N, C-alpha and C. Protein backbone atom coordinates (compact mmCIF):
# COMPACT_ATOMS: atom_id res chain seq x y z
N ASP A 1 1.07 -26.23 -93.53
CA ASP A 1 2.43 -26.49 -93.03
C ASP A 1 3.33 -26.55 -93.80
N ARG A 2 3.58 -27.11 -94.91
CA ARG A 2 4.63 -26.86 -95.77
C ARG A 2 5.44 -25.46 -96.91
N VAL A 3 4.50 -24.82 -96.94
CA VAL A 3 4.56 -23.37 -97.47
C VAL A 3 4.81 -22.54 -96.27
N LEU A 4 4.27 -22.21 -94.84
CA LEU A 4 4.42 -21.69 -93.80
C LEU A 4 5.60 -21.54 -93.46
N ARG A 5 6.79 -21.17 -93.80
CA ARG A 5 8.64 -21.16 -93.43
C ARG A 5 8.87 -20.09 -92.93
N PRO A 6 10.12 -19.86 -92.29
CA PRO A 6 10.28 -18.98 -91.67
C PRO A 6 10.57 -17.98 -92.34
N GLY A 7 10.59 -16.67 -92.42
CA GLY A 7 10.68 -15.67 -93.69
C GLY A 7 9.76 -15.64 -93.94
N VAL A 8 8.92 -16.32 -94.79
CA VAL A 8 7.80 -15.84 -95.57
C VAL A 8 6.73 -15.10 -95.20
N LEU A 9 6.24 -13.97 -96.03
CA LEU A 9 5.27 -13.00 -95.80
C LEU A 9 4.24 -13.51 -96.43
N VAL A 10 2.80 -13.71 -95.86
CA VAL A 10 1.70 -14.18 -95.82
C VAL A 10 0.88 -13.29 -95.73
N GLY A 11 -0.06 -12.36 -96.90
CA GLY A 11 -1.14 -11.96 -97.36
C GLY A 11 -2.18 -12.67 -96.53
N LEU A 12 -3.50 -11.61 -95.75
CA LEU A 12 -4.36 -12.64 -95.48
C LEU A 12 -5.50 -11.46 -96.20
N GLY A 13 -6.38 -12.33 -96.46
CA GLY A 13 -8.05 -12.39 -96.70
C GLY A 13 -8.69 -11.94 -95.88
N MET A 14 -10.07 -12.58 -96.50
CA MET A 14 -10.97 -12.73 -95.31
C MET A 14 -12.14 -13.40 -95.61
N GLY A 15 -12.97 -14.12 -94.32
CA GLY A 15 -13.94 -14.88 -94.73
C GLY A 15 -14.13 -16.27 -93.49
N ARG A 16 -15.24 -16.55 -93.45
CA ARG A 16 -15.45 -17.44 -92.66
C ARG A 16 -15.14 -18.76 -92.88
N THR A 17 -14.33 -19.07 -93.84
CA THR A 17 -13.56 -20.64 -94.14
C THR A 17 -12.31 -20.28 -93.63
N LEU A 18 -11.40 -19.11 -94.09
CA LEU A 18 -9.98 -18.56 -93.41
C LEU A 18 -10.32 -18.77 -91.95
N ALA A 19 -11.33 -18.23 -91.86
CA ALA A 19 -11.66 -18.10 -90.09
C ALA A 19 -11.40 -19.71 -89.23
N GLU A 20 -11.80 -20.71 -90.10
CA GLU A 20 -11.50 -22.01 -89.33
C GLU A 20 -10.08 -22.42 -89.37
N ILE A 21 -9.31 -21.86 -90.23
CA ILE A 21 -7.57 -22.23 -90.72
C ILE A 21 -6.74 -22.45 -89.64
N PRO A 22 -7.03 -21.56 -88.43
CA PRO A 22 -6.29 -21.78 -87.09
C PRO A 22 -6.33 -22.79 -86.46
N ASN A 23 -7.60 -23.35 -86.16
CA ASN A 23 -8.03 -24.31 -85.61
C ASN A 23 -7.60 -25.65 -86.21
N TYR A 24 -7.01 -25.69 -87.41
CA TYR A 24 -6.01 -27.33 -87.99
C TYR A 24 -5.13 -27.01 -87.88
N MET A 25 -4.01 -25.78 -87.84
CA MET A 25 -2.64 -25.69 -87.66
C MET A 25 -2.21 -26.80 -86.49
N ARG A 26 -1.08 -26.63 -86.68
CA ARG A 26 -0.24 -27.19 -85.76
C ARG A 26 0.42 -26.14 -85.38
N THR A 27 0.87 -25.93 -83.80
CA THR A 27 1.48 -24.89 -83.69
C THR A 27 3.08 -25.09 -83.96
N GLN A 28 3.82 -23.86 -84.56
CA GLN A 28 5.20 -23.91 -84.74
C GLN A 28 5.85 -23.20 -83.64
N GLN A 29 6.69 -23.39 -83.03
CA GLN A 29 7.26 -22.66 -82.11
C GLN A 29 8.29 -21.22 -82.87
N ASP A 30 8.59 -21.97 -84.35
CA ASP A 30 9.95 -21.53 -84.44
C ASP A 30 9.08 -21.13 -86.45
N GLY A 31 8.52 -20.73 -86.22
CA GLY A 31 7.74 -20.86 -87.41
C GLY A 31 8.09 -19.03 -88.42
N MET A 32 7.92 -18.35 -87.75
CA MET A 32 8.54 -16.65 -87.92
C MET A 32 8.01 -16.23 -89.11
N CYS A 33 7.12 -17.29 -89.85
CA CYS A 33 6.78 -16.80 -90.90
C CYS A 33 5.56 -15.40 -90.79
N HIS A 34 5.53 -14.11 -91.28
CA HIS A 34 5.07 -12.83 -91.06
C HIS A 34 3.56 -12.72 -91.42
N PHE A 35 2.49 -12.65 -91.19
CA PHE A 35 1.00 -12.32 -91.63
C PHE A 35 1.01 -10.68 -91.85
N ILE A 36 0.09 -10.81 -92.88
CA ILE A 36 0.02 -9.26 -93.43
C ILE A 36 -1.63 -9.33 -94.09
N GLU A 37 -2.28 -8.33 -93.36
CA GLU A 37 -3.45 -8.40 -93.82
C GLU A 37 -3.47 -7.55 -95.03
N MET A 38 -4.62 -8.08 -95.85
CA MET A 38 -4.79 -7.16 -97.61
C MET A 38 -6.09 -6.56 -97.30
N VAL A 39 -6.81 -6.13 -96.54
CA VAL A 39 -8.34 -5.84 -96.31
C VAL A 39 -8.08 -4.98 -94.94
N GLY A 40 -9.50 -4.61 -94.94
CA GLY A 40 -9.46 -3.70 -93.78
C GLY A 40 -10.54 -4.55 -92.47
N GLY A 41 -10.49 -4.45 -91.72
CA GLY A 41 -11.54 -5.47 -90.75
C GLY A 41 -12.85 -5.70 -90.96
N ILE A 42 -13.07 -6.87 -90.67
CA ILE A 42 -14.26 -7.16 -91.12
C ILE A 42 -15.07 -7.95 -89.42
N GLY A 43 -16.49 -8.08 -89.14
CA GLY A 43 -16.76 -8.82 -88.14
C GLY A 43 -18.20 -8.60 -87.86
N ARG A 44 -18.60 -7.10 -88.22
CA ARG A 44 -19.53 -6.94 -88.29
C ARG A 44 -20.95 -7.48 -88.72
N GLY A 45 -21.92 -8.56 -87.83
CA GLY A 45 -23.13 -9.13 -88.29
C GLY A 45 -22.30 -11.00 -89.00
N LEU A 46 -20.83 -11.24 -88.65
CA LEU A 46 -20.36 -12.51 -89.27
C LEU A 46 -20.19 -13.03 -88.08
N SER A 47 -19.55 -13.95 -88.11
CA SER A 47 -19.42 -15.36 -86.82
C SER A 47 -17.97 -15.50 -86.68
N PHE A 48 -17.23 -14.10 -87.57
CA PHE A 48 -16.18 -13.80 -86.94
C PHE A 48 -15.15 -13.21 -86.94
N ASP A 49 -14.25 -12.43 -86.23
CA ASP A 49 -13.33 -11.05 -86.44
C ASP A 49 -12.36 -11.39 -87.30
N SER A 50 -11.84 -10.36 -88.09
CA SER A 50 -10.75 -10.49 -88.77
C SER A 50 -9.43 -10.29 -88.15
N TYR A 51 -9.64 -9.61 -87.36
CA TYR A 51 -8.09 -8.99 -86.33
C TYR A 51 -7.97 -10.14 -85.92
N LYS A 52 -8.93 -10.95 -84.92
CA LYS A 52 -8.67 -12.59 -84.31
C LYS A 52 -8.01 -13.45 -84.97
N VAL A 53 -8.42 -13.38 -85.91
CA VAL A 53 -8.32 -14.39 -86.73
C VAL A 53 -7.21 -14.48 -87.48
N SER A 54 -6.23 -13.01 -87.87
CA SER A 54 -4.77 -13.09 -88.07
C SER A 54 -4.54 -13.01 -87.05
N SER A 55 -4.46 -12.83 -85.39
CA SER A 55 -3.59 -13.28 -84.92
C SER A 55 -3.62 -14.29 -84.16
N LEU A 56 -4.41 -15.09 -84.52
CA LEU A 56 -4.63 -16.52 -84.10
C LEU A 56 -3.73 -17.44 -85.14
N LEU A 57 -3.42 -17.25 -86.26
CA LEU A 57 -2.39 -17.61 -87.36
C LEU A 57 -1.30 -17.32 -87.01
N ALA A 58 -1.07 -15.89 -86.83
CA ALA A 58 0.29 -15.75 -86.09
C ALA A 58 0.84 -16.28 -84.83
N ASP A 59 -0.22 -16.67 -83.62
CA ASP A 59 0.37 -17.60 -82.37
C ASP A 59 0.68 -18.95 -83.07
N ARG A 60 -0.08 -19.38 -83.77
CA ARG A 60 -0.10 -20.61 -84.57
C ARG A 60 1.44 -21.17 -85.06
N CYS A 61 1.46 -19.91 -85.85
CA CYS A 61 2.81 -20.16 -86.35
C CYS A 61 4.29 -19.54 -86.19
N GLY A 62 4.29 -18.98 -84.79
CA GLY A 62 5.32 -18.15 -84.12
C GLY A 62 5.45 -17.14 -84.96
N GLY A 63 4.73 -16.62 -85.55
CA GLY A 63 5.32 -15.78 -86.13
C GLY A 63 4.37 -13.68 -85.84
N GLU A 64 4.47 -13.06 -86.50
CA GLU A 64 3.91 -11.73 -86.18
C GLU A 64 2.99 -11.51 -87.16
N VAL A 65 2.06 -10.33 -86.93
CA VAL A 65 1.03 -10.13 -88.01
C VAL A 65 1.08 -8.34 -88.15
N GLU A 66 0.62 -8.06 -88.75
CA GLU A 66 0.27 -6.86 -89.67
C GLU A 66 -1.21 -6.50 -89.91
N HIS A 67 -2.03 -5.47 -88.92
CA HIS A 67 -3.20 -5.15 -89.24
C HIS A 67 -3.18 -4.26 -89.84
N VAL A 68 -4.50 -4.14 -90.71
CA VAL A 68 -5.18 -2.89 -91.61
C VAL A 68 -6.19 -2.33 -90.89
N TYR A 69 -5.95 -1.32 -89.64
CA TYR A 69 -6.86 -0.87 -88.73
C TYR A 69 -7.79 0.30 -89.01
N THR A 70 -8.64 -0.37 -90.08
CA THR A 70 -9.85 0.14 -90.90
C THR A 70 -10.78 -0.61 -90.76
N PRO A 71 -12.18 -0.39 -90.74
CA PRO A 71 -13.55 -1.34 -91.44
C PRO A 71 -12.71 -1.58 -93.01
N VAL A 72 -13.16 -2.66 -93.62
CA VAL A 72 -13.29 -2.71 -94.79
C VAL A 72 -13.47 -1.98 -95.69
N ILE A 73 -14.87 -1.72 -94.75
CA ILE A 73 -15.87 -0.66 -95.97
C ILE A 73 -16.49 0.31 -95.31
N VAL A 74 -15.68 1.81 -95.17
CA VAL A 74 -16.01 2.82 -95.04
C VAL A 74 -17.47 3.46 -95.55
N GLU A 75 -17.28 4.81 -94.53
CA GLU A 75 -18.65 5.43 -95.18
C GLU A 75 -18.71 5.96 -96.52
N THR A 76 -17.91 6.81 -96.73
CA THR A 76 -17.71 7.21 -98.09
C THR A 76 -16.33 7.13 -98.57
N ALA A 77 -16.83 7.48 -100.11
CA ALA A 77 -15.18 7.84 -100.96
C ALA A 77 -14.24 8.18 -100.47
N ALA A 78 -14.86 9.57 -99.44
CA ALA A 78 -13.61 10.57 -99.25
C ALA A 78 -13.38 10.38 -98.14
N ALA A 79 -14.08 9.14 -97.06
CA ALA A 79 -13.53 8.58 -95.83
C ALA A 79 -12.36 7.83 -96.31
N ARG A 80 -12.57 6.96 -97.52
CA ARG A 80 -11.49 6.20 -97.92
C ARG A 80 -9.96 6.50 -98.27
N GLN A 81 -10.42 7.37 -99.42
CA GLN A 81 -9.48 8.28 -99.60
C GLN A 81 -8.44 9.20 -98.62
N ALA A 82 -9.03 9.42 -97.27
CA ALA A 82 -8.12 10.19 -96.65
C ALA A 82 -7.62 8.78 -95.98
N LEU A 83 -8.05 7.67 -95.41
CA LEU A 83 -7.61 6.73 -94.98
C LEU A 83 -6.67 6.15 -95.34
N LEU A 84 -6.53 6.11 -96.98
CA LEU A 84 -5.65 5.38 -97.81
C LEU A 84 -4.52 6.71 -97.51
N GLY A 85 -4.47 7.51 -97.40
CA GLY A 85 -3.48 8.69 -96.93
C GLY A 85 -2.71 8.86 -96.01
N ASP A 86 -3.21 7.57 -95.10
CA ASP A 86 -2.70 7.39 -93.51
C ASP A 86 -1.64 7.23 -93.45
N PRO A 87 -0.36 7.38 -93.30
CA PRO A 87 0.68 6.16 -93.59
C PRO A 87 1.21 5.16 -92.95
N GLN A 88 0.16 5.06 -91.79
CA GLN A 88 0.44 3.55 -91.25
C GLN A 88 -0.34 2.72 -92.46
N ILE A 89 -1.37 2.87 -92.52
CA ILE A 89 -2.53 1.93 -93.38
C ILE A 89 -1.71 1.89 -94.96
N CYS A 90 -1.45 3.00 -95.71
CA CYS A 90 -1.24 2.93 -96.94
C CYS A 90 0.41 1.91 -96.63
N SER A 91 1.49 1.91 -95.71
CA SER A 91 2.66 1.23 -95.97
C SER A 91 2.25 -0.47 -95.49
N VAL A 92 1.09 -0.73 -95.01
CA VAL A 92 0.52 -1.91 -94.12
C VAL A 92 0.34 -2.82 -95.95
N LEU A 93 -0.72 -1.65 -96.58
CA LEU A 93 -1.28 -1.97 -97.66
C LEU A 93 -0.15 -2.20 -99.02
N ASP A 94 1.13 -1.69 -98.27
CA ASP A 94 2.33 -1.81 -99.79
C ASP A 94 2.73 -2.68 -99.52
N ARG A 95 3.01 -3.08 -98.11
CA ARG A 95 3.95 -4.34 -98.14
C ARG A 95 2.85 -5.69 -98.26
N ALA A 96 1.84 -5.65 -98.57
CA ALA A 96 0.95 -6.68 -98.54
C ALA A 96 0.83 -6.92 -100.28
N VAL A 97 1.15 -6.18 -100.80
CA VAL A 97 1.39 -6.47 -102.48
C VAL A 97 2.59 -6.90 -102.75
N ARG A 98 3.92 -7.27 -101.68
CA ARG A 98 4.79 -7.83 -102.13
C ARG A 98 4.57 -9.31 -101.05
N SER A 99 3.62 -9.75 -100.68
CA SER A 99 3.40 -11.05 -100.12
C SER A 99 4.21 -12.12 -100.83
N ASP A 100 4.73 -12.93 -100.07
CA ASP A 100 5.22 -13.83 -100.94
C ASP A 100 4.22 -15.36 -101.62
N LEU A 101 2.95 -14.96 -100.62
CA LEU A 101 1.88 -15.88 -100.66
C LEU A 101 0.48 -15.17 -100.32
N ALA A 102 -0.59 -15.73 -100.44
CA ALA A 102 -2.12 -15.40 -99.89
C ALA A 102 -2.54 -15.85 -99.66
N LEU A 103 -3.76 -15.63 -98.53
CA LEU A 103 -4.65 -17.01 -98.43
C LEU A 103 -6.18 -16.14 -98.27
N VAL A 104 -6.53 -16.74 -98.99
CA VAL A 104 -7.79 -15.97 -99.79
C VAL A 104 -8.89 -17.30 -99.55
N SER A 105 -9.97 -16.85 -99.40
CA SER A 105 -11.26 -17.12 -99.67
C SER A 105 -12.14 -16.30 -100.90
N VAL A 106 -13.24 -17.02 -101.16
CA VAL A 106 -14.41 -16.49 -102.55
C VAL A 106 -15.52 -16.59 -101.83
N GLY A 107 -16.48 -15.71 -102.32
CA GLY A 107 -17.75 -15.32 -101.80
C GLY A 107 -19.18 -16.01 -102.41
N THR A 108 -20.03 -15.53 -102.05
CA THR A 108 -21.04 -16.19 -103.28
C THR A 108 -21.81 -14.74 -103.29
N VAL A 109 -22.53 -14.61 -104.27
CA VAL A 109 -23.56 -13.62 -104.14
C VAL A 109 -25.29 -13.63 -104.36
N ASP A 110 -25.14 -14.13 -102.85
CA ASP A 110 -26.67 -14.23 -102.26
C ASP A 110 -26.75 -14.00 -101.26
N LEU A 111 -27.74 -13.92 -100.20
CA LEU A 111 -28.06 -13.50 -99.25
C LEU A 111 -27.12 -14.20 -97.51
N ASP A 112 -26.02 -15.28 -98.37
CA ASP A 112 -25.06 -15.44 -97.54
C ASP A 112 -24.04 -14.97 -97.91
N SER A 113 -23.98 -13.44 -98.66
CA SER A 113 -22.59 -12.98 -99.18
C SER A 113 -22.19 -11.96 -97.78
N PHE A 114 -20.83 -11.65 -97.68
CA PHE A 114 -20.45 -10.79 -96.45
C PHE A 114 -21.17 -9.29 -96.51
N LEU A 115 -21.33 -9.20 -98.03
CA LEU A 115 -22.41 -8.20 -97.91
C LEU A 115 -23.57 -7.47 -97.71
N PHE A 116 -24.01 -8.69 -97.13
CA PHE A 116 -25.90 -8.62 -96.93
C PHE A 116 -25.82 -9.00 -95.32
N GLN A 117 -24.85 -10.16 -95.14
CA GLN A 117 -24.49 -10.51 -93.43
C GLN A 117 -24.06 -9.52 -92.79
N ALA A 118 -23.49 -8.34 -93.39
CA ALA A 118 -22.92 -7.48 -92.44
C ALA A 118 -23.20 -6.35 -92.57
N GLY A 119 -24.50 -6.11 -93.55
CA GLY A 119 -25.32 -4.72 -93.07
C GLY A 119 -24.73 -4.00 -94.20
N TYR A 120 -23.94 -4.47 -95.26
CA TYR A 120 -23.64 -3.09 -96.33
C TYR A 120 -24.31 -3.05 -97.79
N SER A 121 -24.98 -4.26 -97.69
CA SER A 121 -26.16 -4.27 -98.73
C SER A 121 -27.69 -4.72 -98.31
N ASP A 122 -28.32 -4.43 -99.27
CA ASP A 122 -29.64 -4.80 -99.40
C ASP A 122 -30.56 -5.88 -100.15
N GLU A 123 -31.12 -6.67 -99.94
CA GLU A 123 -31.73 -7.82 -101.41
C GLU A 123 -31.26 -6.96 -103.08
N ALA A 124 -31.94 -6.21 -102.94
CA ALA A 124 -31.75 -5.31 -104.00
C ALA A 124 -30.70 -5.23 -104.28
N GLY A 125 -29.67 -5.04 -103.93
CA GLY A 125 -28.25 -4.83 -103.74
C GLY A 125 -27.72 -5.64 -104.70
N ILE A 126 -27.83 -6.82 -103.54
CA ILE A 126 -27.27 -8.10 -104.03
C ILE A 126 -28.14 -8.65 -105.67
N GLU A 127 -29.14 -8.96 -105.82
CA GLU A 127 -30.18 -8.71 -107.05
C GLU A 127 -29.17 -8.30 -108.34
N SER A 128 -29.07 -6.83 -108.01
CA SER A 128 -28.20 -5.89 -109.07
C SER A 128 -27.10 -6.59 -109.42
N LEU A 129 -25.95 -7.03 -108.43
CA LEU A 129 -24.67 -7.50 -108.70
C LEU A 129 -25.27 -9.01 -109.79
N ARG A 130 -25.70 -9.76 -109.06
CA ARG A 130 -26.27 -11.28 -109.97
C ARG A 130 -26.79 -10.59 -111.26
N GLU A 131 -28.02 -9.33 -111.82
CA GLU A 131 -28.39 -9.75 -112.76
C GLU A 131 -26.83 -8.72 -113.61
N GLN A 132 -26.06 -8.08 -113.10
CA GLN A 132 -24.59 -7.70 -114.23
C GLN A 132 -23.69 -8.96 -114.19
N GLY A 133 -24.14 -10.87 -113.85
CA GLY A 133 -23.43 -11.47 -114.12
C GLY A 133 -22.25 -11.61 -113.01
N ALA A 134 -22.28 -11.23 -111.70
CA ALA A 134 -21.12 -11.51 -110.85
C ALA A 134 -21.92 -12.37 -110.31
N VAL A 135 -20.42 -13.51 -110.00
CA VAL A 135 -20.77 -15.16 -109.23
C VAL A 135 -20.11 -15.37 -107.75
N GLY A 136 -19.31 -14.02 -107.83
CA GLY A 136 -18.47 -14.56 -106.28
C GLY A 136 -17.51 -13.00 -106.50
N ASP A 137 -16.90 -13.10 -105.10
CA ASP A 137 -15.93 -11.90 -104.66
C ASP A 137 -14.52 -12.28 -104.24
N VAL A 138 -13.55 -11.72 -104.12
CA VAL A 138 -12.15 -12.26 -103.48
C VAL A 138 -11.63 -10.47 -103.07
N LEU A 139 -11.78 -10.58 -101.78
CA LEU A 139 -11.39 -9.38 -101.25
C LEU A 139 -12.65 -8.03 -101.40
N GLY A 140 -13.41 -8.80 -101.49
CA GLY A 140 -14.23 -7.53 -101.32
C GLY A 140 -15.16 -7.46 -102.97
N HIS A 141 -14.00 -7.63 -104.07
CA HIS A 141 -13.90 -7.32 -105.29
C HIS A 141 -14.78 -8.60 -106.20
N PHE A 142 -15.87 -8.04 -107.02
CA PHE A 142 -16.85 -8.71 -107.56
C PHE A 142 -16.76 -9.38 -109.24
N PHE A 143 -16.66 -10.44 -109.37
CA PHE A 143 -16.25 -10.79 -111.03
C PHE A 143 -17.37 -11.85 -111.30
N ASP A 144 -17.07 -11.60 -112.81
CA ASP A 144 -18.07 -12.51 -113.02
C ASP A 144 -17.73 -14.22 -113.57
N ILE A 145 -18.44 -15.10 -114.07
CA ILE A 145 -17.70 -16.65 -114.36
C ILE A 145 -16.43 -16.56 -115.22
N ASN A 146 -16.23 -15.25 -116.41
CA ASN A 146 -15.27 -15.28 -116.75
C ASN A 146 -13.96 -14.76 -116.26
N GLY A 147 -14.22 -14.33 -115.11
CA GLY A 147 -13.11 -13.64 -114.29
C GLY A 147 -12.96 -12.15 -114.40
N SER A 148 -14.08 -11.72 -115.26
CA SER A 148 -13.63 -10.11 -115.56
C SER A 148 -14.76 -9.67 -114.16
N GLN A 149 -14.14 -8.05 -114.03
CA GLN A 149 -14.60 -7.43 -112.60
C GLN A 149 -15.81 -6.74 -112.97
N VAL A 150 -16.71 -7.53 -111.81
CA VAL A 150 -18.00 -6.44 -112.10
C VAL A 150 -18.15 -5.45 -111.00
N THR A 151 -18.53 -4.07 -111.62
CA THR A 151 -18.89 -2.89 -110.38
C THR A 151 -19.60 -3.02 -109.67
N SER A 152 -19.16 -2.78 -108.39
CA SER A 152 -19.95 -2.89 -107.04
C SER A 152 -20.00 -1.71 -106.52
N PRO A 153 -21.44 -1.38 -105.94
CA PRO A 153 -21.52 -0.01 -105.40
C PRO A 153 -20.34 0.45 -103.95
N ILE A 154 -20.13 -1.01 -103.66
CA ILE A 154 -18.82 -0.51 -102.45
C ILE A 154 -17.47 -0.08 -103.31
N ASP A 155 -17.41 -0.20 -104.51
CA ASP A 155 -15.78 -0.52 -104.91
C ASP A 155 -14.84 1.05 -104.05
N ASP A 156 -15.60 2.16 -104.34
CA ASP A 156 -15.04 3.48 -104.28
C ASP A 156 -15.20 3.67 -102.53
N ARG A 157 -15.71 2.55 -101.83
CA ARG A 157 -15.28 2.44 -100.18
C ARG A 157 -14.76 1.56 -99.64
N LEU A 158 -14.24 0.74 -100.55
CA LEU A 158 -13.54 -0.61 -100.01
C LEU A 158 -11.88 -0.09 -99.82
N ILE A 159 -11.31 -0.73 -98.45
CA ILE A 159 -10.06 -0.76 -98.17
C ILE A 159 -9.57 -1.82 -98.39
N GLY A 160 -8.45 -1.71 -99.44
CA GLY A 160 -7.36 -3.00 -99.41
C GLY A 160 -7.07 -3.21 -100.73
N LEU A 161 -6.51 -4.69 -100.75
CA LEU A 161 -5.51 -4.19 -102.52
C LEU A 161 -7.05 -4.89 -103.72
N SER A 162 -6.56 -3.86 -104.79
CA SER A 162 -7.38 -4.34 -105.51
C SER A 162 -6.86 -5.83 -106.67
N LEU A 163 -8.26 -6.16 -107.48
CA LEU A 163 -7.92 -7.39 -108.18
C LEU A 163 -6.25 -7.18 -108.56
N ASP A 164 -6.06 -6.35 -109.35
CA ASP A 164 -4.99 -6.25 -110.07
C ASP A 164 -3.54 -6.55 -109.29
N GLU A 165 -3.79 -5.71 -107.83
CA GLU A 165 -2.57 -6.26 -107.29
C GLU A 165 -2.50 -7.45 -106.68
N LEU A 166 -3.74 -7.93 -106.45
CA LEU A 166 -4.01 -9.69 -105.62
C LEU A 166 -2.94 -10.51 -106.85
N LYS A 167 -3.09 -10.23 -108.24
CA LYS A 167 -2.55 -11.07 -109.42
C LYS A 167 -1.08 -10.93 -109.45
N ARG A 168 -0.48 -9.76 -108.73
CA ARG A 168 1.06 -9.80 -108.51
C ARG A 168 1.42 -10.17 -107.47
N ILE A 169 0.49 -11.20 -106.50
CA ILE A 169 1.36 -12.00 -105.86
C ILE A 169 1.56 -13.46 -106.29
N ALA A 170 2.77 -13.89 -106.35
CA ALA A 170 3.20 -15.30 -107.16
C ALA A 170 2.23 -16.31 -106.83
N THR A 171 2.00 -16.56 -105.45
CA THR A 171 1.24 -17.78 -104.87
C THR A 171 -0.16 -17.11 -104.20
N VAL A 172 -1.45 -17.46 -104.77
CA VAL A 172 -2.50 -17.25 -103.94
C VAL A 172 -3.51 -18.34 -103.81
N ILE A 173 -3.50 -18.88 -102.98
CA ILE A 173 -4.40 -20.05 -102.41
C ILE A 173 -5.18 -19.88 -101.97
N CYS A 174 -6.62 -20.42 -102.50
CA CYS A 174 -7.97 -19.86 -102.21
C CYS A 174 -8.43 -21.04 -101.17
N VAL A 175 -8.91 -20.76 -100.14
CA VAL A 175 -9.45 -22.04 -99.60
C VAL A 175 -11.01 -22.03 -99.70
N ALA A 176 -11.96 -23.12 -99.82
CA ALA A 176 -13.37 -22.80 -99.99
C ALA A 176 -14.05 -23.90 -100.91
N GLY A 177 -15.20 -24.38 -100.26
CA GLY A 177 -15.56 -25.41 -100.64
C GLY A 177 -17.11 -25.50 -100.46
N GLY A 178 -17.99 -26.40 -101.16
CA GLY A 178 -19.36 -26.48 -101.04
C GLY A 178 -19.96 -25.98 -102.40
N PRO A 179 -21.13 -26.62 -102.84
CA PRO A 179 -21.85 -26.52 -103.79
C PRO A 179 -22.11 -25.15 -104.62
N PRO A 180 -22.79 -24.12 -103.29
CA PRO A 180 -22.78 -22.41 -103.77
C PRO A 180 -21.50 -22.34 -104.00
N LYS A 181 -20.36 -22.49 -103.92
CA LYS A 181 -19.02 -21.95 -104.15
C LYS A 181 -18.39 -22.09 -105.66
N VAL A 182 -19.41 -23.15 -105.97
CA VAL A 182 -18.39 -23.43 -107.61
C VAL A 182 -18.31 -22.46 -108.27
N PRO A 183 -19.25 -21.64 -108.92
CA PRO A 183 -19.37 -20.41 -109.79
C PRO A 183 -18.13 -19.56 -109.31
N SER A 184 -18.20 -19.00 -107.69
CA SER A 184 -17.16 -18.24 -107.38
C SER A 184 -15.85 -18.74 -107.48
N ILE A 185 -15.21 -19.82 -106.84
CA ILE A 185 -14.11 -20.59 -107.60
C ILE A 185 -13.90 -20.89 -109.15
N ARG A 186 -14.66 -20.96 -109.97
CA ARG A 186 -14.55 -21.15 -111.22
C ARG A 186 -14.21 -19.57 -111.59
N GLY A 187 -14.71 -18.52 -110.96
CA GLY A 187 -14.33 -17.16 -111.94
C GLY A 187 -13.47 -16.57 -111.29
N ALA A 188 -12.69 -17.17 -110.13
CA ALA A 188 -11.57 -16.64 -109.42
C ALA A 188 -10.61 -17.31 -110.56
N LEU A 189 -10.50 -18.47 -110.75
CA LEU A 189 -9.74 -19.59 -111.59
C LEU A 189 -9.64 -18.69 -112.37
N ASN A 190 -10.59 -18.61 -113.35
CA ASN A 190 -10.52 -17.22 -115.21
C ASN A 190 -10.04 -16.40 -115.02
N GLY A 191 -10.30 -15.73 -113.73
CA GLY A 191 -9.57 -14.51 -113.95
C GLY A 191 -7.97 -14.66 -113.47
N GLY A 192 -8.01 -15.42 -112.79
CA GLY A 192 -6.23 -15.63 -112.56
C GLY A 192 -6.06 -14.69 -111.15
N TYR A 193 -6.98 -15.02 -110.65
CA TYR A 193 -6.88 -14.09 -108.85
C TYR A 193 -6.56 -15.57 -108.06
N VAL A 194 -6.65 -16.62 -107.89
CA VAL A 194 -5.55 -17.60 -107.36
C VAL A 194 -5.47 -18.58 -108.01
N ASN A 195 -4.33 -19.02 -107.90
CA ASN A 195 -3.80 -20.32 -109.11
C ASN A 195 -3.64 -21.49 -107.84
N VAL A 196 -3.87 -21.58 -106.75
CA VAL A 196 -3.90 -22.88 -105.64
C VAL A 196 -5.42 -23.02 -104.97
N LEU A 197 -5.97 -24.37 -105.06
CA LEU A 197 -7.47 -24.03 -104.75
C LEU A 197 -7.12 -25.23 -103.35
N ILE A 198 -7.60 -25.34 -102.28
CA ILE A 198 -7.69 -26.41 -101.24
C ILE A 198 -9.12 -26.25 -100.79
N THR A 199 -9.78 -27.42 -101.58
CA THR A 199 -11.18 -27.77 -101.21
C THR A 199 -11.26 -28.86 -101.20
N ASP A 200 -12.66 -29.60 -101.14
CA ASP A 200 -13.00 -31.25 -100.91
C ASP A 200 -12.99 -31.96 -102.38
N GLU A 201 -13.30 -32.88 -102.15
CA GLU A 201 -13.26 -33.85 -103.61
C GLU A 201 -14.46 -33.34 -104.41
N ASP A 202 -15.78 -33.36 -103.94
CA ASP A 202 -17.10 -33.35 -104.33
C ASP A 202 -16.61 -31.63 -105.52
N THR A 203 -16.12 -30.88 -104.62
CA THR A 203 -16.01 -29.34 -105.21
C THR A 203 -14.78 -29.46 -106.49
N ALA A 204 -14.08 -29.77 -106.03
CA ALA A 204 -12.94 -30.15 -107.12
C ALA A 204 -13.75 -30.54 -108.05
N CYS A 205 -14.35 -31.65 -108.43
CA CYS A 205 -14.73 -32.27 -109.40
C CYS A 205 -15.86 -31.70 -110.26
N ALA A 206 -16.64 -30.69 -109.07
CA ALA A 206 -17.75 -30.00 -109.82
C ALA A 206 -16.90 -28.73 -110.40
N VAL A 207 -15.77 -28.28 -110.00
CA VAL A 207 -15.65 -27.07 -110.79
C VAL A 207 -14.69 -27.57 -112.14
N LEU A 208 -13.92 -29.05 -111.84
CA LEU A 208 -13.80 -29.35 -113.13
C LEU A 208 -15.18 -29.71 -114.39
N ASP A 209 -15.89 -30.13 -113.58
CA ASP A 209 -16.58 -30.67 -114.67
C ASP A 209 -17.58 -29.39 -115.45
N ASN A 210 -17.52 -28.48 -114.63
CA ASN A 210 -18.04 -26.79 -115.60
C ASN A 210 -17.17 -26.41 -115.98
N GLY A 211 -15.84 -26.44 -116.16
CA GLY A 211 -14.78 -25.67 -116.35
C GLY A 211 -14.29 -26.24 -117.79
């Protein structure tokens, strides 16, 4: 409520935690902040629809939203290149990089991962990421505990901002909590991908204790 001021451009990530945010926000009739998605849409196999989440956030804040009308992961690298060449998609992502602040969450590298839950990877694929040291992801990009990016089989099929582009946004707010997210949060903080954390006290203490 303090940061979603009139005229602010807010980049949106994806995740089940982010999907809950609209349920706890007070409706602001004159908010007029502008939301813009930083990744393609996701909903398959999960308990939320990212397009609906974005629209609901905009409704709560009395603002507008710009969608990235593609899946977050497409079938081939060639399809990704073709979609990124579309003027409408490319213009939304270009504007997303210029967001004043961003709202993201971090994922885990296990069978609760969005990759597995949405059917983009099997158990062997998740295990391969873990063997490479991956502890979490943000915007679909995986990283290790030090924040270094870990190569993923979906990298050349992912529609969204890169980690370097995310770091260009001045304020990146991560909303995440619970013991399984502690390594993910630490990796995201170490990599400089997020610089504001909204979490519960137990998770905060665990992140500090392991830092």
